[in-house]
Amino acid sequence: MTVLLVLAFPMLVIAAIIRLGSPGPALFRQRRVGLGGRPFTMYKFRTMRAGAPDAAHRDLIARELRGEDTSVDGSWKIGNDPRLTRFGGWLRRTSLDELPQLINVVQGQMALVGPRPCLDWEAEMFPAEFALRFAVRPGLTGLWQVNGRSTMGTLEMLQLDVVYVRGWGFWRDLKILLLTVPAVLRRQDGAR
C-alpha cells in the first residue's frame, strides 16, 4: 500500500500523458487467469490504441504453442506492432505499464513474483503439462522477466513457470525481485 502512495504522483503523470497521446482511457482493464485458474481483472496502463484487434497476437501464440519459431530479430513479440501508441512502446520497454498491477497485488489477486497472468483464451490453449503454473498467484515479475522476456517464446515461458512453481520459496522470490531491476534497466530484452 505504501508503494502505491509513493508512486501515486508518477502514475498520475503517466495517465495524463496517455490520455493526451491517444483517445481512450489511461487505465486498461483485462480479464486474466490467476490462482487455481480463477479469472480476475488485471490493471495496466494502456499501451495500445483503444479497440485494437488481437488476431495477430492470437495467431502468434497458437504458432508458438505448435512449436514454430516466430522470432524476428531476436524477439518473440509482434515486431512494429501497429496497435501500439507512440508512448505505449516506451511504457512497455521500461515496464512502467505494469505499475497499476500493484493494485492487483494489494487486492491479493497477484503476487510480486510468480508466473505472468495469462489471458483466458491463452490458458485454454496451454498444454495440460503446464497446468502447475496456476498453483500459485500470478506475479508482477518472475523467472521469465529476469531470463529474457521478449527474447523467449511462449513454450519457454511456460517451462520457466513450472520450474518456478516447483522451486517456489521466499529466498528465490527475493532473488527474482532483485534481478528484476537490472533486467528492466537493460531494456535489450524488454517487452515490445
N, C-alpha and C. Protein backbone atom coordinates (compact mmCIF):
# COMPACT_ATOMS: atom_id res chain seq x y z
N MET A 1 0.82 -1.19 0.00
CA MET A 1 0.00 0.00 0.00
C MET A 1 0.87 1.26 0.00
N THR A 2 1.95 1.24 0.79
CA THR A 2 2.86 2.38 0.85
C THR A 2 3.48 2.65 -0.52
N VAL A 3 3.83 1.58 -1.23
CA VAL A 3 4.44 1.73 -2.56
C VAL A 3 3.46 2.44 -3.50
N LEU A 4 2.18 2.10 -3.41
CA LEU A 4 1.18 2.77 -4.25
C LEU A 4 1.09 4.25 -3.94
N LEU A 5 1.18 4.60 -2.67
CA LEU A 5 1.14 6.01 -2.28
C LEU A 5 2.36 6.76 -2.81
N VAL A 6 3.53 6.14 -2.72
CA VAL A 6 4.76 6.76 -3.21
C VAL A 6 4.70 6.96 -4.73
N LEU A 7 4.11 5.98 -5.41
CA LEU A 7 4.06 6.03 -6.88
C LEU A 7 2.83 6.77 -7.42
N ALA A 8 1.97 7.25 -6.55
CA ALA A 8 0.71 7.88 -7.00
C ALA A 8 0.97 9.04 -7.95
N PHE A 9 1.88 9.95 -7.63
CA PHE A 9 2.11 11.11 -8.49
C PHE A 9 2.69 10.70 -9.85
N PRO A 10 3.77 9.87 -9.89
CA PRO A 10 4.26 9.45 -11.20
C PRO A 10 3.19 8.71 -12.02
N MET A 11 2.35 7.94 -11.36
CA MET A 11 1.30 7.22 -12.07
C MET A 11 0.26 8.20 -12.64
N LEU A 12 -0.03 9.25 -11.92
CA LEU A 12 -0.95 10.27 -12.44
C LEU A 12 -0.36 10.97 -13.66
N VAL A 13 0.95 11.24 -13.62
CA VAL A 13 1.62 11.86 -14.77
C VAL A 13 1.56 10.94 -15.98
N ILE A 14 1.85 9.66 -15.78
CA ILE A 14 1.79 8.69 -16.87
C ILE A 14 0.37 8.64 -17.44
N ALA A 15 -0.63 8.59 -16.57
CA ALA A 15 -2.02 8.54 -17.02
C ALA A 15 -2.37 9.77 -17.86
N ALA A 16 -1.91 10.94 -17.43
CA ALA A 16 -2.19 12.17 -18.17
C ALA A 16 -1.55 12.13 -19.57
N ILE A 17 -0.32 11.66 -19.65
CA ILE A 17 0.37 11.58 -20.95
C ILE A 17 -0.34 10.60 -21.88
N ILE A 18 -0.80 9.48 -21.33
CA ILE A 18 -1.54 8.51 -22.15
C ILE A 18 -2.80 9.15 -22.71
N ARG A 19 -3.54 9.85 -21.86
CA ARG A 19 -4.80 10.47 -22.29
C ARG A 19 -4.56 11.55 -23.34
N LEU A 20 -3.46 12.29 -23.19
CA LEU A 20 -3.14 13.34 -24.17
C LEU A 20 -2.66 12.75 -25.49
N GLY A 21 -2.03 11.58 -25.44
CA GLY A 21 -1.41 10.99 -26.63
C GLY A 21 -2.34 10.23 -27.54
N SER A 22 -3.43 9.68 -27.00
CA SER A 22 -4.36 8.93 -27.84
C SER A 22 -5.72 8.83 -27.14
N PRO A 23 -6.78 8.75 -27.93
CA PRO A 23 -8.11 8.66 -27.31
C PRO A 23 -8.30 7.34 -26.58
N GLY A 24 -9.04 7.38 -25.51
CA GLY A 24 -9.32 6.19 -24.72
C GLY A 24 -8.86 6.36 -23.29
N PRO A 25 -9.22 5.41 -22.44
CA PRO A 25 -8.84 5.51 -21.02
C PRO A 25 -7.35 5.29 -20.82
N ALA A 26 -6.81 5.83 -19.73
CA ALA A 26 -5.40 5.64 -19.41
C ALA A 26 -5.17 4.26 -18.81
N LEU A 27 -6.13 3.80 -18.05
CA LEU A 27 -6.01 2.51 -17.38
C LEU A 27 -6.70 1.44 -18.23
N PHE A 28 -6.00 0.35 -18.44
CA PHE A 28 -6.50 -0.76 -19.24
C PHE A 28 -6.89 -1.88 -18.29
N ARG A 29 -8.10 -2.36 -18.41
CA ARG A 29 -8.58 -3.48 -17.59
C ARG A 29 -8.76 -4.68 -18.51
N GLN A 30 -8.28 -5.83 -18.04
CA GLN A 30 -8.38 -7.02 -18.88
C GLN A 30 -8.57 -8.25 -18.01
N ARG A 31 -9.42 -9.15 -18.46
CA ARG A 31 -9.66 -10.40 -17.73
C ARG A 31 -8.44 -11.30 -17.90
N ARG A 32 -7.89 -11.74 -16.79
CA ARG A 32 -6.75 -12.66 -16.79
C ARG A 32 -7.07 -13.86 -15.91
N VAL A 33 -6.23 -14.88 -16.02
CA VAL A 33 -6.43 -16.11 -15.25
C VAL A 33 -5.39 -16.16 -14.15
N GLY A 34 -5.85 -16.39 -12.92
CA GLY A 34 -4.95 -16.39 -11.78
C GLY A 34 -4.90 -17.71 -11.05
N LEU A 35 -4.68 -17.63 -9.76
CA LEU A 35 -4.54 -18.78 -8.88
C LEU A 35 -5.72 -19.73 -9.04
N GLY A 36 -5.41 -21.01 -9.24
CA GLY A 36 -6.45 -22.02 -9.37
C GLY A 36 -7.27 -21.91 -10.65
N GLY A 37 -6.77 -21.12 -11.62
CA GLY A 37 -7.49 -20.95 -12.87
C GLY A 37 -8.66 -19.98 -12.77
N ARG A 38 -8.74 -19.24 -11.64
CA ARG A 38 -9.85 -18.30 -11.45
C ARG A 38 -9.57 -16.98 -12.17
N PRO A 39 -10.59 -16.42 -12.81
CA PRO A 39 -10.41 -15.15 -13.52
C PRO A 39 -10.38 -13.96 -12.56
N PHE A 40 -9.69 -12.92 -12.97
CA PHE A 40 -9.69 -11.66 -12.24
C PHE A 40 -9.44 -10.53 -13.24
N THR A 41 -9.71 -9.32 -12.83
CA THR A 41 -9.46 -8.17 -13.70
C THR A 41 -8.10 -7.59 -13.39
N MET A 42 -7.22 -7.60 -14.38
CA MET A 42 -5.87 -7.06 -14.21
C MET A 42 -5.81 -5.64 -14.74
N TYR A 43 -5.02 -4.81 -14.09
CA TYR A 43 -4.87 -3.42 -14.47
C TYR A 43 -3.49 -3.16 -15.05
N LYS A 44 -3.46 -2.37 -16.10
CA LYS A 44 -2.20 -1.91 -16.70
C LYS A 44 -2.45 -0.52 -17.25
N PHE A 45 -1.37 0.20 -17.53
CA PHE A 45 -1.54 1.43 -18.30
C PHE A 45 -1.75 1.02 -19.75
N ARG A 46 -2.65 1.70 -20.44
CA ARG A 46 -2.96 1.37 -21.83
C ARG A 46 -1.78 1.74 -22.72
N THR A 47 -1.32 0.76 -23.51
CA THR A 47 -0.19 0.97 -24.42
C THR A 47 -0.61 0.84 -25.88
N MET A 48 -1.85 0.41 -26.09
CA MET A 48 -2.34 0.21 -27.45
C MET A 48 -3.50 1.15 -27.75
N ARG A 49 -3.77 1.29 -29.02
CA ARG A 49 -4.91 2.09 -29.43
C ARG A 49 -6.19 1.41 -28.95
N ALA A 50 -7.14 2.19 -28.49
CA ALA A 50 -8.40 1.64 -27.98
C ALA A 50 -9.09 0.83 -29.07
N GLY A 51 -9.55 -0.35 -28.72
CA GLY A 51 -10.28 -1.20 -29.64
C GLY A 51 -9.42 -1.93 -30.67
N ALA A 52 -8.11 -1.96 -30.48
CA ALA A 52 -7.21 -2.62 -31.44
C ALA A 52 -7.49 -4.13 -31.47
N PRO A 53 -7.50 -4.74 -32.66
CA PRO A 53 -7.77 -6.18 -32.77
C PRO A 53 -6.60 -7.00 -32.23
N ASP A 54 -6.89 -8.23 -31.80
CA ASP A 54 -5.82 -9.07 -31.26
C ASP A 54 -5.60 -10.34 -32.08
N ALA A 55 -6.10 -10.38 -33.30
CA ALA A 55 -5.98 -11.58 -34.14
C ALA A 55 -4.52 -11.98 -34.36
N ALA A 56 -3.65 -11.01 -34.61
CA ALA A 56 -2.23 -11.32 -34.86
C ALA A 56 -1.58 -11.92 -33.61
N HIS A 57 -1.96 -11.42 -32.44
CA HIS A 57 -1.41 -11.95 -31.18
C HIS A 57 -1.89 -13.38 -30.95
N ARG A 58 -3.16 -13.63 -31.18
CA ARG A 58 -3.70 -14.98 -31.02
C ARG A 58 -2.99 -15.97 -31.96
N ASP A 59 -2.78 -15.54 -33.20
CA ASP A 59 -2.11 -16.39 -34.18
C ASP A 59 -0.67 -16.67 -33.74
N LEU A 60 0.02 -15.65 -33.25
CA LEU A 60 1.40 -15.80 -32.79
C LEU A 60 1.50 -16.84 -31.67
N ILE A 61 0.62 -16.74 -30.68
CA ILE A 61 0.64 -17.68 -29.55
C ILE A 61 0.34 -19.09 -30.03
N ALA A 62 -0.66 -19.24 -30.90
CA ALA A 62 -1.01 -20.57 -31.42
C ALA A 62 0.16 -21.19 -32.16
N ARG A 63 0.85 -20.39 -32.97
CA ARG A 63 2.01 -20.90 -33.72
C ARG A 63 3.14 -21.31 -32.78
N GLU A 64 3.39 -20.50 -31.75
CA GLU A 64 4.45 -20.83 -30.79
C GLU A 64 4.13 -22.12 -30.04
N LEU A 65 2.86 -22.29 -29.66
CA LEU A 65 2.47 -23.50 -28.93
C LEU A 65 2.54 -24.74 -29.80
N ARG A 66 2.51 -24.56 -31.12
CA ARG A 66 2.71 -25.69 -32.04
C ARG A 66 4.20 -25.97 -32.25
N GLY A 67 5.05 -25.12 -31.65
CA GLY A 67 6.49 -25.31 -31.75
C GLY A 67 7.16 -24.54 -32.87
N GLU A 68 6.42 -23.65 -33.53
CA GLU A 68 7.00 -22.86 -34.61
C GLU A 68 7.91 -21.77 -34.05
N ASP A 69 8.96 -21.47 -34.77
CA ASP A 69 9.86 -20.38 -34.41
C ASP A 69 9.30 -19.09 -35.01
N THR A 70 8.74 -18.24 -34.17
CA THR A 70 8.13 -17.00 -34.64
C THR A 70 9.02 -15.78 -34.36
N SER A 71 10.26 -16.04 -33.92
CA SER A 71 11.12 -14.92 -33.53
C SER A 71 11.54 -14.09 -34.75
N VAL A 72 11.62 -12.79 -34.53
CA VAL A 72 12.08 -11.85 -35.55
C VAL A 72 13.09 -10.93 -34.89
N ASP A 73 14.30 -10.88 -35.43
CA ASP A 73 15.36 -10.05 -34.86
C ASP A 73 15.57 -10.31 -33.38
N GLY A 74 15.48 -11.58 -32.97
CA GLY A 74 15.74 -11.94 -31.58
C GLY A 74 14.58 -11.77 -30.63
N SER A 75 13.44 -11.31 -31.12
CA SER A 75 12.28 -11.11 -30.26
C SER A 75 11.15 -12.05 -30.67
N TRP A 76 10.42 -12.50 -29.67
CA TRP A 76 9.28 -13.38 -29.91
C TRP A 76 7.97 -12.61 -29.81
N LYS A 77 8.01 -11.33 -29.89
CA LYS A 77 6.80 -10.50 -29.85
C LYS A 77 6.54 -9.95 -31.24
N ILE A 78 5.35 -9.39 -31.44
CA ILE A 78 4.99 -8.81 -32.73
C ILE A 78 5.88 -7.59 -32.98
N GLY A 79 6.66 -7.64 -34.04
CA GLY A 79 7.55 -6.52 -34.37
C GLY A 79 6.77 -5.37 -34.98
N ASN A 80 7.16 -4.15 -34.63
CA ASN A 80 6.49 -2.95 -35.14
C ASN A 80 4.98 -3.08 -35.04
N ASP A 81 4.52 -3.48 -33.88
CA ASP A 81 3.10 -3.71 -33.65
C ASP A 81 2.29 -2.44 -33.93
N PRO A 82 1.43 -2.45 -34.95
CA PRO A 82 0.67 -1.25 -35.31
C PRO A 82 -0.35 -0.84 -34.26
N ARG A 83 -0.62 -1.72 -33.30
CA ARG A 83 -1.60 -1.40 -32.25
C ARG A 83 -1.01 -0.47 -31.19
N LEU A 84 0.33 -0.44 -31.08
CA LEU A 84 0.98 0.36 -30.03
C LEU A 84 0.86 1.85 -30.29
N THR A 85 0.64 2.60 -29.22
CA THR A 85 0.70 4.05 -29.32
C THR A 85 2.16 4.47 -29.24
N ARG A 86 2.45 5.69 -29.59
CA ARG A 86 3.85 6.15 -29.55
C ARG A 86 4.41 6.07 -28.12
N PHE A 87 3.66 6.53 -27.15
CA PHE A 87 4.08 6.49 -25.75
C PHE A 87 4.00 5.06 -25.21
N GLY A 88 3.10 4.25 -25.77
CA GLY A 88 2.92 2.87 -25.32
C GLY A 88 4.16 2.01 -25.50
N GLY A 89 4.86 2.22 -26.61
CA GLY A 89 6.09 1.46 -26.84
C GLY A 89 7.13 1.74 -25.77
N TRP A 90 7.26 3.01 -25.39
CA TRP A 90 8.21 3.38 -24.34
C TRP A 90 7.77 2.81 -22.99
N LEU A 91 6.47 2.86 -22.70
CA LEU A 91 5.97 2.31 -21.44
C LEU A 91 6.29 0.82 -21.34
N ARG A 92 6.14 0.11 -22.44
CA ARG A 92 6.42 -1.33 -22.42
C ARG A 92 7.90 -1.61 -22.24
N ARG A 93 8.74 -0.88 -22.97
CA ARG A 93 10.19 -1.12 -22.86
C ARG A 93 10.69 -0.86 -21.45
N THR A 94 10.09 0.09 -20.76
CA THR A 94 10.51 0.42 -19.40
C THR A 94 9.73 -0.35 -18.34
N SER A 95 8.73 -1.10 -18.76
CA SER A 95 7.84 -1.86 -17.87
C SER A 95 6.97 -0.97 -16.97
N LEU A 96 6.92 0.32 -17.23
CA LEU A 96 6.09 1.21 -16.43
C LEU A 96 4.61 0.95 -16.64
N ASP A 97 4.26 0.32 -17.76
CA ASP A 97 2.85 -0.02 -18.00
C ASP A 97 2.33 -1.02 -16.96
N GLU A 98 3.24 -1.71 -16.27
CA GLU A 98 2.86 -2.72 -15.29
C GLU A 98 2.53 -2.14 -13.90
N LEU A 99 2.87 -0.89 -13.64
CA LEU A 99 2.68 -0.31 -12.30
C LEU A 99 1.28 -0.49 -11.72
N PRO A 100 0.21 -0.31 -12.51
CA PRO A 100 -1.12 -0.48 -11.92
C PRO A 100 -1.40 -1.89 -11.39
N GLN A 101 -0.58 -2.87 -11.77
CA GLN A 101 -0.77 -4.22 -11.25
C GLN A 101 -0.49 -4.29 -9.75
N LEU A 102 0.13 -3.25 -9.21
CA LEU A 102 0.30 -3.19 -7.75
C LEU A 102 -1.07 -3.18 -7.06
N ILE A 103 -2.08 -2.66 -7.74
CA ILE A 103 -3.45 -2.70 -7.21
C ILE A 103 -3.89 -4.16 -7.08
N ASN A 104 -3.58 -4.97 -8.10
CA ASN A 104 -3.91 -6.40 -8.04
C ASN A 104 -3.16 -7.10 -6.92
N VAL A 105 -1.92 -6.67 -6.67
CA VAL A 105 -1.14 -7.27 -5.58
C VAL A 105 -1.79 -6.93 -4.24
N VAL A 106 -2.17 -5.67 -4.05
CA VAL A 106 -2.83 -5.25 -2.81
C VAL A 106 -4.15 -5.99 -2.61
N GLN A 107 -4.87 -6.25 -3.70
CA GLN A 107 -6.15 -6.96 -3.63
C GLN A 107 -5.98 -8.46 -3.44
N GLY A 108 -4.74 -8.95 -3.50
CA GLY A 108 -4.49 -10.37 -3.29
C GLY A 108 -4.69 -11.25 -4.52
N GLN A 109 -4.90 -10.63 -5.68
CA GLN A 109 -5.10 -11.40 -6.92
C GLN A 109 -3.77 -11.78 -7.56
N MET A 110 -2.74 -10.99 -7.26
CA MET A 110 -1.41 -11.24 -7.80
C MET A 110 -0.40 -11.15 -6.66
N ALA A 111 0.78 -11.68 -6.93
CA ALA A 111 1.91 -11.56 -6.01
C ALA A 111 2.97 -10.70 -6.70
N LEU A 112 3.98 -10.30 -5.96
CA LEU A 112 5.08 -9.57 -6.60
C LEU A 112 5.83 -10.48 -7.56
N VAL A 113 5.96 -11.77 -7.21
CA VAL A 113 6.69 -12.73 -8.04
C VAL A 113 5.80 -13.94 -8.33
N GLY A 114 5.84 -14.38 -9.58
CA GLY A 114 5.05 -15.55 -9.98
C GLY A 114 4.97 -15.62 -11.49
N PRO A 115 4.25 -16.59 -12.03
CA PRO A 115 4.06 -16.66 -13.48
C PRO A 115 3.28 -15.44 -13.97
N ARG A 116 3.48 -15.06 -15.22
CA ARG A 116 2.71 -13.94 -15.78
C ARG A 116 1.24 -14.31 -15.86
N PRO A 117 0.35 -13.40 -15.50
CA PRO A 117 -1.08 -13.70 -15.62
C PRO A 117 -1.47 -13.75 -17.10
N CYS A 118 -2.04 -14.86 -17.51
CA CYS A 118 -2.37 -15.03 -18.93
C CYS A 118 -3.82 -14.70 -19.21
N LEU A 119 -4.11 -14.49 -20.47
CA LEU A 119 -5.47 -14.26 -20.93
C LEU A 119 -6.24 -15.58 -20.87
N ASP A 120 -7.56 -15.51 -20.75
CA ASP A 120 -8.34 -16.75 -20.64
C ASP A 120 -8.21 -17.62 -21.89
N TRP A 121 -8.16 -17.00 -23.07
CA TRP A 121 -8.02 -17.81 -24.29
C TRP A 121 -6.62 -18.44 -24.38
N GLU A 122 -5.61 -17.78 -23.79
CA GLU A 122 -4.28 -18.39 -23.76
C GLU A 122 -4.29 -19.62 -22.85
N ALA A 123 -4.93 -19.47 -21.68
CA ALA A 123 -4.99 -20.59 -20.72
C ALA A 123 -5.65 -21.81 -21.36
N GLU A 124 -6.66 -21.58 -22.19
CA GLU A 124 -7.34 -22.69 -22.87
C GLU A 124 -6.42 -23.37 -23.88
N MET A 125 -5.48 -22.63 -24.44
CA MET A 125 -4.56 -23.18 -25.45
C MET A 125 -3.36 -23.89 -24.83
N PHE A 126 -3.00 -23.55 -23.59
CA PHE A 126 -1.81 -24.12 -22.97
C PHE A 126 -1.94 -25.63 -22.81
N PRO A 127 -0.91 -26.38 -23.17
CA PRO A 127 -0.93 -27.83 -22.96
C PRO A 127 -1.11 -28.15 -21.47
N ALA A 128 -1.77 -29.28 -21.19
CA ALA A 128 -2.07 -29.68 -19.81
C ALA A 128 -0.83 -29.81 -18.93
N GLU A 129 0.31 -30.10 -19.54
CA GLU A 129 1.54 -30.27 -18.75
C GLU A 129 1.98 -29.00 -18.03
N PHE A 130 1.38 -27.86 -18.41
CA PHE A 130 1.76 -26.59 -17.78
C PHE A 130 0.70 -26.09 -16.79
N ALA A 131 -0.25 -26.93 -16.43
CA ALA A 131 -1.32 -26.54 -15.51
C ALA A 131 -0.77 -26.14 -14.14
N LEU A 132 0.40 -26.64 -13.78
CA LEU A 132 1.01 -26.32 -12.48
C LEU A 132 1.23 -24.82 -12.30
N ARG A 133 1.34 -24.08 -13.40
CA ARG A 133 1.56 -22.63 -13.30
C ARG A 133 0.42 -21.94 -12.56
N PHE A 134 -0.76 -22.56 -12.53
CA PHE A 134 -1.91 -21.96 -11.86
C PHE A 134 -2.00 -22.35 -10.38
N ALA A 135 -0.97 -23.02 -9.86
CA ALA A 135 -0.96 -23.43 -8.45
C ALA A 135 -0.48 -22.31 -7.53
N VAL A 136 0.00 -21.23 -8.12
CA VAL A 136 0.43 -20.06 -7.34
C VAL A 136 -0.19 -18.80 -7.96
N ARG A 137 -0.17 -17.72 -7.20
CA ARG A 137 -0.68 -16.45 -7.75
C ARG A 137 0.23 -15.98 -8.87
N PRO A 138 -0.35 -15.38 -9.90
CA PRO A 138 0.50 -14.79 -10.94
C PRO A 138 1.27 -13.62 -10.36
N GLY A 139 2.38 -13.27 -11.00
CA GLY A 139 3.25 -12.24 -10.44
C GLY A 139 3.48 -11.04 -11.34
N LEU A 140 3.88 -9.98 -10.71
CA LEU A 140 4.28 -8.75 -11.39
C LEU A 140 5.59 -8.99 -12.14
N THR A 141 6.44 -9.83 -11.56
CA THR A 141 7.68 -10.25 -12.20
C THR A 141 7.86 -11.74 -11.95
N GLY A 142 8.81 -12.34 -12.65
CA GLY A 142 9.03 -13.77 -12.47
C GLY A 142 10.26 -14.23 -13.21
N LEU A 143 10.44 -15.54 -13.27
CA LEU A 143 11.63 -16.10 -13.94
C LEU A 143 11.71 -15.67 -15.40
N TRP A 144 10.56 -15.61 -16.07
CA TRP A 144 10.55 -15.22 -17.49
C TRP A 144 11.12 -13.81 -17.65
N GLN A 145 10.70 -12.89 -16.80
CA GLN A 145 11.15 -11.50 -16.93
C GLN A 145 12.64 -11.33 -16.69
N VAL A 146 13.21 -12.13 -15.80
CA VAL A 146 14.63 -11.96 -15.50
C VAL A 146 15.52 -12.86 -16.35
N ASN A 147 14.91 -13.69 -17.20
CA ASN A 147 15.68 -14.60 -18.04
C ASN A 147 15.50 -14.35 -19.53
N GLY A 148 15.02 -13.19 -19.90
CA GLY A 148 14.96 -12.91 -21.33
C GLY A 148 13.73 -12.19 -21.83
N ARG A 149 12.64 -12.22 -21.11
CA ARG A 149 11.40 -11.55 -21.52
C ARG A 149 11.07 -11.81 -22.98
N SER A 150 11.12 -10.80 -23.81
CA SER A 150 10.69 -10.91 -25.21
C SER A 150 11.62 -11.76 -26.06
N THR A 151 12.77 -12.15 -25.52
CA THR A 151 13.68 -13.00 -26.30
C THR A 151 13.34 -14.47 -26.13
N MET A 152 12.25 -14.76 -25.41
CA MET A 152 11.82 -16.14 -25.18
C MET A 152 10.41 -16.32 -25.70
N GLY A 153 10.16 -17.50 -26.25
CA GLY A 153 8.83 -17.81 -26.75
C GLY A 153 7.90 -18.29 -25.65
N THR A 154 6.65 -18.51 -26.03
CA THR A 154 5.63 -18.92 -25.08
C THR A 154 5.96 -20.26 -24.41
N LEU A 155 6.43 -21.24 -25.17
CA LEU A 155 6.74 -22.54 -24.57
C LEU A 155 7.87 -22.43 -23.54
N GLU A 156 8.88 -21.61 -23.84
CA GLU A 156 9.97 -21.40 -22.87
C GLU A 156 9.44 -20.71 -21.62
N MET A 157 8.55 -19.74 -21.80
CA MET A 157 7.96 -19.06 -20.65
C MET A 157 7.19 -20.05 -19.78
N LEU A 158 6.40 -20.91 -20.41
CA LEU A 158 5.61 -21.89 -19.66
C LEU A 158 6.52 -22.87 -18.91
N GLN A 159 7.62 -23.26 -19.54
CA GLN A 159 8.57 -24.16 -18.87
C GLN A 159 9.17 -23.48 -17.64
N LEU A 160 9.51 -22.19 -17.77
CA LEU A 160 10.05 -21.45 -16.62
C LEU A 160 9.00 -21.31 -15.52
N ASP A 161 7.73 -21.17 -15.90
CA ASP A 161 6.66 -21.09 -14.90
C ASP A 161 6.63 -22.35 -14.04
N VAL A 162 6.74 -23.51 -14.69
CA VAL A 162 6.72 -24.78 -13.96
C VAL A 162 7.96 -24.90 -13.08
N VAL A 163 9.11 -24.50 -13.59
CA VAL A 163 10.35 -24.51 -12.78
C VAL A 163 10.16 -23.61 -11.56
N TYR A 164 9.56 -22.45 -11.76
CA TYR A 164 9.32 -21.52 -10.65
C TYR A 164 8.43 -22.17 -9.58
N VAL A 165 7.31 -22.73 -10.00
CA VAL A 165 6.36 -23.30 -9.04
C VAL A 165 7.00 -24.45 -8.27
N ARG A 166 7.75 -25.29 -8.96
CA ARG A 166 8.39 -26.44 -8.28
C ARG A 166 9.46 -26.00 -7.28
N GLY A 167 10.09 -24.85 -7.52
CA GLY A 167 11.15 -24.38 -6.64
C GLY A 167 10.77 -23.17 -5.82
N TRP A 168 9.46 -22.91 -5.72
CA TRP A 168 8.99 -21.70 -5.05
C TRP A 168 9.50 -21.60 -3.62
N GLY A 169 9.87 -20.37 -3.23
CA GLY A 169 10.30 -20.11 -1.86
C GLY A 169 10.63 -18.64 -1.68
N PHE A 170 10.66 -18.20 -0.45
CA PHE A 170 10.89 -16.79 -0.12
C PHE A 170 12.21 -16.28 -0.71
N TRP A 171 13.31 -17.03 -0.51
CA TRP A 171 14.62 -16.56 -0.95
C TRP A 171 14.71 -16.49 -2.46
N ARG A 172 14.05 -17.43 -3.12
CA ARG A 172 14.04 -17.39 -4.59
C ARG A 172 13.26 -16.17 -5.08
N ASP A 173 12.13 -15.89 -4.44
CA ASP A 173 11.34 -14.71 -4.81
C ASP A 173 12.15 -13.43 -4.60
N LEU A 174 12.87 -13.38 -3.49
CA LEU A 174 13.70 -12.20 -3.21
C LEU A 174 14.77 -12.03 -4.29
N LYS A 175 15.39 -13.12 -4.69
CA LYS A 175 16.42 -13.07 -5.73
C LYS A 175 15.81 -12.58 -7.05
N ILE A 176 14.63 -13.08 -7.40
CA ILE A 176 13.97 -12.65 -8.65
C ILE A 176 13.64 -11.16 -8.58
N LEU A 177 13.16 -10.70 -7.43
CA LEU A 177 12.86 -9.27 -7.28
C LEU A 177 14.12 -8.43 -7.49
N LEU A 178 15.23 -8.88 -6.91
CA LEU A 178 16.48 -8.13 -7.05
C LEU A 178 17.00 -8.17 -8.49
N LEU A 179 16.79 -9.28 -9.19
CA LEU A 179 17.24 -9.39 -10.58
C LEU A 179 16.34 -8.62 -11.55
N THR A 180 15.12 -8.30 -11.11
CA THR A 180 14.17 -7.59 -11.97
C THR A 180 14.67 -6.18 -12.30
N VAL A 181 15.26 -5.52 -11.32
CA VAL A 181 15.71 -4.13 -11.54
C VAL A 181 16.73 -4.05 -12.68
N PRO A 182 17.83 -4.82 -12.64
CA PRO A 182 18.76 -4.73 -13.78
C PRO A 182 18.14 -5.23 -15.09
N ALA A 183 17.22 -6.21 -15.01
CA ALA A 183 16.58 -6.71 -16.24
C ALA A 183 15.77 -5.62 -16.90
N VAL A 184 15.08 -4.82 -16.11
CA VAL A 184 14.27 -3.71 -16.65
C VAL A 184 15.20 -2.60 -17.16
N LEU A 185 16.25 -2.30 -16.42
CA LEU A 185 17.15 -1.21 -16.81
C LEU A 185 17.93 -1.54 -18.08
N ARG A 186 18.25 -2.83 -18.30
CA ARG A 186 18.98 -3.24 -19.51
C ARG A 186 18.20 -2.94 -20.75
N ARG A 187 16.92 -3.24 -20.72
CA ARG A 187 15.98 -2.98 -21.81
C ARG A 187 16.24 -3.73 -23.10
N GLN A 188 17.43 -4.34 -23.31
CA GLN A 188 17.64 -5.00 -24.59
C GLN A 188 16.72 -6.19 -24.75
N ASP A 189 16.26 -6.78 -23.64
CA ASP A 189 15.32 -7.88 -23.75
C ASP A 189 13.94 -7.44 -23.20
N GLY A 190 13.71 -6.16 -23.24
CA GLY A 190 12.46 -5.62 -22.72
C GLY A 190 11.26 -5.95 -23.59
N ALA A 191 10.11 -5.73 -23.01
CA ALA A 191 8.86 -6.02 -23.73
C ALA A 191 8.71 -5.10 -24.91
N ARG A 192 8.01 -5.60 -25.92
CA ARG A 192 7.69 -4.78 -27.10
C ARG A 192 6.25 -4.40 -27.05
